[in-house]
């Protein structure tokens, strides 16, 4: 009976350890590194990159790179109406391009700007 619980415990622990994402710390940017404004979306769905699966990508200065260190579902369901597979979002990032991939050390969504109010023209009550 002890061996059964030991096997069960080890199975659960290995599942938990394998399922943990290598997501980065998004709480604070490194002040010694440059903060970049970029576009983020699904590389395959929105940026037309090659790949067999939906994966997060950033476009910096017109060049798209798949992102290492951040999962596409980290900010909600990628297939939701405002998810990365259906929308291109503005982000602030830190990291570097290594072997054609962006190694993220910081990743934060930039809130979409509120639309400017349109001033109504006064009408002459005819």
Protein backbone atom coordinates (compact mmCIF):
# COMPACT_ATOMS: atom_id res chain seq x y z
CA UNK A 1 0.00 0.00 0.00
CA UNK A 2 2.89 2.37 0.78
CA UNK A 3 4.37 1.79 -2.64
CA UNK A 4 1.04 2.63 -4.28
CA UNK A 5 0.91 6.02 -2.54
CA UNK A 6 4.57 6.64 -3.31
CA UNK A 7 3.99 5.96 -7.01
CA UNK A 8 0.87 8.12 -6.97
CA UNK A 9 2.71 10.98 -5.25
CA UNK A 10 5.65 10.79 -7.68
CA UNK A 11 3.28 10.71 -10.66
CA UNK A 12 1.47 13.81 -9.48
CA UNK A 13 4.70 15.66 -8.72
CA UNK A 14 6.20 14.84 -12.12
CA UNK A 15 3.02 16.00 -13.86
CA UNK A 16 3.08 19.29 -11.95
CA UNK A 17 6.77 19.82 -12.65
CA UNK A 18 6.37 19.13 -16.38
CA UNK A 19 3.32 21.34 -16.77
CA UNK A 20 4.94 24.44 -15.34
CA UNK A 21 5.56 27.01 -18.03
CA UNK A 22 8.85 28.83 -18.31
CA UNK A 23 7.01 32.14 -18.21
CA UNK A 24 9.03 35.19 -17.36
CA UNK A 25 8.67 37.60 -14.50
CA UNK A 26 6.41 40.34 -15.84
CA UNK A 27 6.26 42.38 -12.66
CA UNK A 28 9.22 44.67 -13.25
CA UNK A 29 11.38 45.68 -16.17
CA UNK A 30 15.15 45.76 -15.82
CA UNK A 31 16.08 49.46 -15.68
CA UNK A 32 19.50 48.72 -17.19
CA UNK A 33 17.95 47.33 -20.39
CA UNK A 34 16.16 49.17 -23.18
CA UNK A 35 12.36 48.91 -23.12
CA UNK A 36 10.98 48.25 -26.62
CA UNK A 37 7.50 48.95 -27.94
CA UNK A 38 6.41 46.10 -30.20
CA UNK A 39 3.38 44.33 -31.64
CA UNK A 40 2.47 40.89 -30.32
CA UNK A 41 0.21 38.28 -31.85
CA UNK A 42 0.12 34.70 -33.08
CA UNK A 43 3.04 34.30 -35.45
CA UNK A 44 1.19 31.91 -37.74
CA UNK A 45 -2.32 33.44 -37.61
CA UNK A 46 -1.54 37.16 -37.79
CA UNK A 47 2.09 37.59 -38.85
CA UNK A 48 2.11 34.87 -41.56
CA UNK A 49 5.09 33.04 -40.06
CA UNK A 50 5.80 29.39 -40.76
CA UNK A 51 4.79 26.94 -38.07
CA UNK A 52 2.43 24.11 -37.35
CA UNK A 53 0.83 25.52 -34.22
CA UNK A 54 -0.26 28.81 -32.72
CA UNK A 55 2.66 30.44 -30.92
CA UNK A 56 3.32 33.92 -29.56
CA UNK A 57 5.41 36.24 -31.70
CA UNK A 58 6.50 39.86 -31.54
CA UNK A 59 7.09 42.24 -34.41
CA UNK A 60 9.87 44.73 -33.75
CA UNK A 61 10.74 47.31 -36.41
CA UNK A 62 8.79 45.32 -38.99
CA UNK A 63 10.47 41.96 -38.30
CA UNK A 64 8.53 39.16 -36.57
CA UNK A 65 10.14 36.73 -34.13
CA UNK A 66 8.69 33.83 -32.18
CA UNK A 67 8.95 34.48 -28.43
CA UNK A 68 10.70 32.24 -25.93
CA UNK A 69 9.76 32.76 -22.30
CA UNK A 70 6.09 33.65 -22.70
CA UNK A 71 3.16 31.41 -23.63
CA UNK A 72 0.50 32.56 -26.12
CA UNK A 73 -2.27 31.96 -23.54
CA UNK A 74 -0.53 33.93 -20.75
CA UNK A 75 -2.95 36.86 -21.24
CA UNK A 76 -6.10 34.83 -21.77
CA UNK A 77 -7.42 32.50 -24.42
CA UNK A 78 -5.51 33.11 -27.64
CA UNK A 79 -8.63 32.29 -29.67
CA UNK A 80 -10.91 34.77 -27.89
CA UNK A 81 -12.02 37.80 -29.90
CA UNK A 82 -9.20 39.92 -28.44
CA UNK A 83 -6.75 37.03 -28.07
CA UNK A 84 -3.41 36.84 -29.82
CA UNK A 85 -4.76 34.65 -32.67
CA UNK A 86 -7.41 37.24 -33.54
CA UNK A 87 -5.78 40.56 -32.66
CA UNK A 88 -2.44 42.27 -32.83
CA UNK A 89 -1.71 43.89 -29.47
CA UNK A 90 0.83 46.52 -28.42
CA UNK A 91 3.39 45.35 -25.86
CA UNK A 92 6.45 46.57 -24.03
CA UNK A 93 9.24 44.02 -24.08
CA UNK A 94 12.81 43.51 -23.04
CA UNK A 95 15.05 40.78 -24.32
CA UNK A 96 17.26 39.90 -27.22
CA UNK A 97 17.11 38.08 -30.52
CA UNK A 98 19.05 34.82 -30.40
CA UNK A 99 19.09 32.44 -33.37
CA UNK A 100 16.10 34.19 -34.94
CA UNK A 101 13.92 33.99 -31.81
CA UNK A 102 13.12 36.70 -29.27
CA UNK A 103 14.29 35.64 -25.80
CA UNK A 104 11.98 37.69 -23.60
CA UNK A 105 13.06 38.85 -20.17
CA UNK A 106 10.08 41.21 -19.76
CA UNK A 107 6.69 41.25 -21.51
CA UNK A 108 3.75 43.54 -20.73
CA UNK A 109 0.59 44.41 -22.64
CA UNK A 110 0.08 48.11 -23.28
CA UNK A 111 -3.48 49.20 -22.63
CA UNK A 112 -5.29 50.16 -25.79
CA UNK A 113 -5.68 53.91 -26.01
CA UNK A 114 -9.09 55.34 -25.54
CA UNK A 115 -10.48 56.81 -28.73
CA UNK A 116 -10.44 60.55 -29.01
CA UNK A 117 -13.81 62.17 -28.52
CA UNK A 118 -15.27 63.73 -31.61
CA UNK A 119 -16.54 67.22 -30.99
CA UNK A 120 -20.05 67.69 -32.18
CA UNK A 121 -20.67 70.63 -34.45
CA UNK A 122 -23.28 73.06 -33.27
CA UNK A 123 -26.38 73.00 -35.39
CA UNK A 124 -28.50 76.01 -36.21
CA UNK A 125 -31.90 74.55 -35.26
CA UNK A 126 -33.69 74.80 -38.58
